[in-house]
């Protein structure tokens, strides 16, 4: 962590299911990998958490809300994310 903000930061990436749509998958794969590398480096510098969610598939939405409550209220977090 390079920058200590003093408060928890959560980066939420919506539309996590977008790469599963046929021919767009190959076109965006290289761009997606580059983008994810940059986001991870940014999050690491801030000590931030990253969540990829998909509201259409209900993927990690509940886990995100529980994680935010965990960080805000200090409650126990034992959820396993869907990859």
Protein backbone atom coordinates (compact mmCIF):
# COMPACT_ATOMS: atom_id res chain seq x y z
CA UNK A 1 0.00 0.00 0.00
CA UNK A 2 1.53 3.28 -1.12
CA UNK A 3 -1.24 5.61 -0.02
CA UNK A 4 -2.97 5.31 3.35
CA UNK A 5 -6.36 6.98 3.05
CA UNK A 6 -7.45 6.06 6.57
CA UNK A 7 -10.72 4.54 5.42
CA UNK A 8 -11.67 1.38 3.52
CA UNK A 9 -12.07 1.66 -0.25
CA UNK A 10 -14.05 -0.82 -2.33
CA UNK A 11 -13.78 -0.76 -6.12
CA UNK A 12 -16.88 -2.30 -7.70
CA UNK A 13 -16.73 -3.54 -11.28
CA UNK A 14 -20.20 -4.02 -12.73
CA UNK A 15 -21.11 -6.07 -15.82
CA UNK A 16 -18.78 -8.94 -14.87
CA UNK A 17 -20.66 -11.22 -17.26
CA UNK A 18 -19.98 -9.09 -20.36
CA UNK A 19 -17.08 -11.25 -21.60
CA UNK A 20 -19.25 -14.32 -21.96
CA UNK A 21 -21.02 -13.10 -25.10
CA UNK A 22 -19.52 -14.97 -28.07
CA UNK A 23 -17.37 -13.08 -30.55
CA UNK A 24 -17.02 -10.02 -28.33
CA UNK A 25 -15.12 -12.24 -25.91
CA UNK A 26 -12.07 -12.62 -28.18
CA UNK A 27 -12.02 -8.95 -29.20
CA UNK A 28 -12.14 -7.63 -25.66
CA UNK A 29 -9.94 -10.25 -23.96
CA UNK A 30 -6.63 -8.39 -24.43
CA UNK A 31 -8.18 -5.06 -23.51
CA UNK A 32 -9.84 -6.61 -20.48
CA UNK A 33 -6.56 -8.11 -19.25
CA UNK A 34 -4.82 -4.73 -19.54
CA UNK A 35 -7.68 -2.94 -17.80
CA UNK A 36 -7.77 -5.46 -14.93
CA UNK A 37 -4.00 -5.15 -14.44
CA UNK A 38 -4.30 -1.37 -14.14
CA UNK A 39 -7.26 -1.62 -11.74
CA UNK A 40 -5.45 -4.16 -9.56
CA UNK A 41 -2.31 -2.00 -9.38
CA UNK A 42 -4.43 1.04 -8.47
CA UNK A 43 -6.30 -0.93 -5.80
CA UNK A 44 -3.07 -2.33 -4.39
CA UNK A 45 -1.58 1.17 -4.08
CA UNK A 46 -4.64 2.28 -2.09
CA UNK A 47 -5.13 -0.93 -0.14
CA UNK A 48 -8.58 -1.22 -1.74
CA UNK A 49 -10.77 -4.26 -2.27
CA UNK A 50 -12.10 -5.18 -5.72
CA UNK A 51 -15.49 -6.76 -6.39
CA UNK A 52 -16.69 -7.89 -9.81
CA UNK A 53 -20.46 -8.15 -9.82
CA UNK A 54 -23.18 -9.03 -12.29
CA UNK A 55 -26.69 -8.03 -11.34
CA UNK A 56 -28.20 -9.93 -14.29
CA UNK A 57 -26.70 -13.20 -13.04
CA UNK A 58 -26.85 -12.14 -9.38
CA UNK A 59 -23.13 -12.83 -9.08
CA UNK A 60 -21.39 -11.47 -5.95
CA UNK A 61 -24.13 -8.88 -5.31
CA UNK A 62 -25.05 -10.29 -1.90
CA UNK A 63 -21.38 -10.82 -1.05
CA UNK A 64 -20.66 -7.16 -1.85
CA UNK A 65 -23.39 -5.88 0.46
CA UNK A 66 -22.20 -8.18 3.26
CA UNK A 67 -18.60 -7.03 2.73
CA UNK A 68 -19.58 -3.37 2.95
CA UNK A 69 -21.44 -4.07 6.20
CA UNK A 70 -18.39 -6.00 7.43
CA UNK A 71 -16.08 -3.05 6.73
CA UNK A 72 -18.47 -0.41 8.09
CA UNK A 73 -19.65 -2.21 11.22
CA UNK A 74 -16.81 -4.64 11.87
CA UNK A 75 -19.01 -7.72 11.57
CA UNK A 76 -17.50 -11.07 10.63
CA UNK A 77 -17.16 -11.75 6.88
CA UNK A 78 -17.02 -15.40 5.83
CA UNK A 79 -18.51 -15.30 2.33
CA UNK A 80 -16.73 -16.96 -0.59
CA UNK A 81 -16.94 -15.01 -3.88
CA UNK A 82 -18.18 -16.62 -7.07
CA UNK A 83 -15.48 -16.57 -9.71
